[in-house]
């Protein structure tokens, strides 16, 4: 989910709700999709150790050149449950790239972070390697997090779920259905520890749209709007 420009989205919604803009079905409040897992990252190392000189170019306080040396980038990645605030996992990832004395001594007035010129430098290559390692870590850990959605409507034998193509749902996928119960709260801290849940049954996807899917019950009792569905 996009969070970098969330303030711009909220400002547009506030404008639409203020009465100063033409009435429209767009930019409605209360429609932002919540994320199940929040990913955060912090750069802990971003350096190029040069050997035999300090030639090359500089971006801000970072020197990207030199007559040989090693570029090194380190990141700390965290996966956070947005419901409980619990850190599910964290990992330090890094990337390294060596530079040679010839070919790397370049003279450029302005090279921006993430530009094509930066990506060709050892520090740019080390950054990309660190990102690739971070993505591999996130992918491996997310495989162990049950995919979750909700029943949003029930019409006869059709059960409508708020998950679709954009969530990677495929035809014939099956989900376990749970009925949420009373929240369990720590009386000392007020922390919500979780809630009681009762498994109701199993549904199988029959038709997929971009933002929702329809499913049929293959096992269990009466399924209601608000029930939770999780991948098996």
Foldseek 3Di string as FASTA:
>chain_A
DDDPCVVVLLVQLCCQVPPPDDPDPPSHPPPDDDDQKDKDKDKDDWAWDAPPFQAADADVPHRQAYAKTKTKTKMKMWIAGPVQRDTPDIDIFMFMFIDHRPPRRDDDDDDDPPDPVLCPTRSNVRVVRRVVVVVVVVVVVVVPPWDKWFFADDDPQKTKIQAAVVNVDDAFFKWWKKDWDDFDADPVPRGGPGTDIDTFAMWGFHAGDHGMTIIGTDTGDDDDGGIMITGD
